[in-house]
């Protein structure tokens, strides 16, 4: 994913995807990292200023969770420079 500097709040900068080996499982995506990005559905959106002079990199942890019993989850760290 690329994040354009000074892009508008609400800009979609990426789409998350994951695969579940269990047939019929639905996945939800989330992030709990305090950054200028947020997950909405499977989209990563900008929620604050993206200014390289103020922030030379962003570390963002995205998580995919299935609706199984018990639910299983996987996370990945994304770094933007």
Protein backbone atom coordinates (compact mmCIF):
# COMPACT_ATOMS: atom_id res chain seq x y z
CA UNK A 1 0.00 0.00 0.00
CA UNK A 2 1.10 3.52 -0.67
CA UNK A 3 -0.10 6.48 1.31
CA UNK A 4 0.10 9.79 -0.54
CA UNK A 5 1.40 12.60 1.63
CA UNK A 6 -1.22 15.22 2.58
CA UNK A 7 -4.11 13.08 1.31
CA UNK A 8 -7.60 13.98 2.51
CA UNK A 9 -9.13 12.47 5.63
CA UNK A 10 -11.36 9.57 4.57
CA UNK A 11 -9.14 8.59 1.63
CA UNK A 12 -9.01 4.81 1.13
CA UNK A 13 -5.33 3.82 0.94
CA UNK A 14 -5.69 0.06 0.85
CA UNK A 15 -7.87 -3.03 1.03
CA UNK A 16 -7.22 -5.87 3.46
CA UNK A 17 -7.74 -9.50 2.54
CA UNK A 18 -7.31 -12.83 4.27
CA UNK A 19 -8.40 -16.38 3.55
CA UNK A 20 -9.97 -18.82 5.97
CA UNK A 21 -9.53 -22.53 5.33
CA UNK A 22 -12.88 -23.23 7.02
CA UNK A 23 -15.68 -23.11 4.46
CA UNK A 24 -18.42 -20.58 5.21
CA UNK A 25 -16.48 -18.48 7.72
CA UNK A 26 -16.87 -14.72 7.55
CA UNK A 27 -13.92 -12.48 8.37
CA UNK A 28 -13.92 -9.11 10.08
CA UNK A 29 -10.97 -6.75 10.03
CA UNK A 30 -9.85 -4.40 12.77
CA UNK A 31 -6.96 -2.40 14.16
CA UNK A 32 -6.32 -1.07 17.62
CA UNK A 33 -3.17 0.88 16.85
CA UNK A 34 -3.26 4.60 17.51
CA UNK A 35 -2.28 6.01 14.15
CA UNK A 36 -3.71 8.16 11.39
CA UNK A 37 -5.31 5.09 9.81
CA UNK A 38 -8.45 3.10 10.60
CA UNK A 39 -10.07 -0.07 9.27
CA UNK A 40 -13.63 0.28 7.97
CA UNK A 41 -14.93 -3.04 6.65
CA UNK A 42 -11.94 -4.27 4.65
CA UNK A 43 -10.71 -0.79 3.73
CA UNK A 44 -7.85 1.15 5.34
CA UNK A 45 -8.76 4.83 5.55
CA UNK A 46 -6.86 7.96 6.54
CA UNK A 47 -8.14 9.61 9.74
CA UNK A 48 -5.47 12.24 10.30
CA UNK A 49 -2.66 14.20 8.75
CA UNK A 50 -0.14 12.24 6.68
CA UNK A 51 2.86 14.54 6.69
CA UNK A 52 6.29 13.03 6.08
CA UNK A 53 8.05 15.91 7.83
CA UNK A 54 6.11 15.18 11.05
CA UNK A 55 5.94 11.39 10.78
CA UNK A 56 8.56 9.59 8.68
CA UNK A 57 6.91 6.19 9.11
CA UNK A 58 3.65 4.63 10.26
CA UNK A 59 3.38 1.20 11.89
CA UNK A 60 -0.11 -0.23 11.65
CA UNK A 61 -1.34 -3.60 12.95
CA UNK A 62 -4.31 -5.07 11.11
CA UNK A 63 -6.21 -8.09 12.43
CA UNK A 64 -8.55 -10.55 10.68
CA UNK A 65 -10.93 -12.57 12.87
CA UNK A 66 -13.28 -15.33 11.72
CA UNK A 67 -16.74 -16.03 13.13
CA UNK A 68 -15.96 -19.60 14.21
CA UNK A 69 -16.43 -21.05 17.68
CA UNK A 70 -13.94 -20.32 19.09
CA UNK A 71 -12.99 -17.45 16.79
CA UNK A 72 -9.52 -17.47 15.30
CA UNK A 73 -7.53 -14.40 14.44
CA UNK A 74 -4.35 -13.44 12.66
CA UNK A 75 -2.59 -10.08 12.67
CA UNK A 76 -0.05 -8.47 10.47
CA UNK A 77 2.09 -5.39 10.94
CA UNK A 78 2.22 -2.97 8.05
CA UNK A 79 4.95 -0.35 7.91
CA UNK A 80 4.82 2.71 5.71
CA UNK A 81 7.92 4.84 5.11
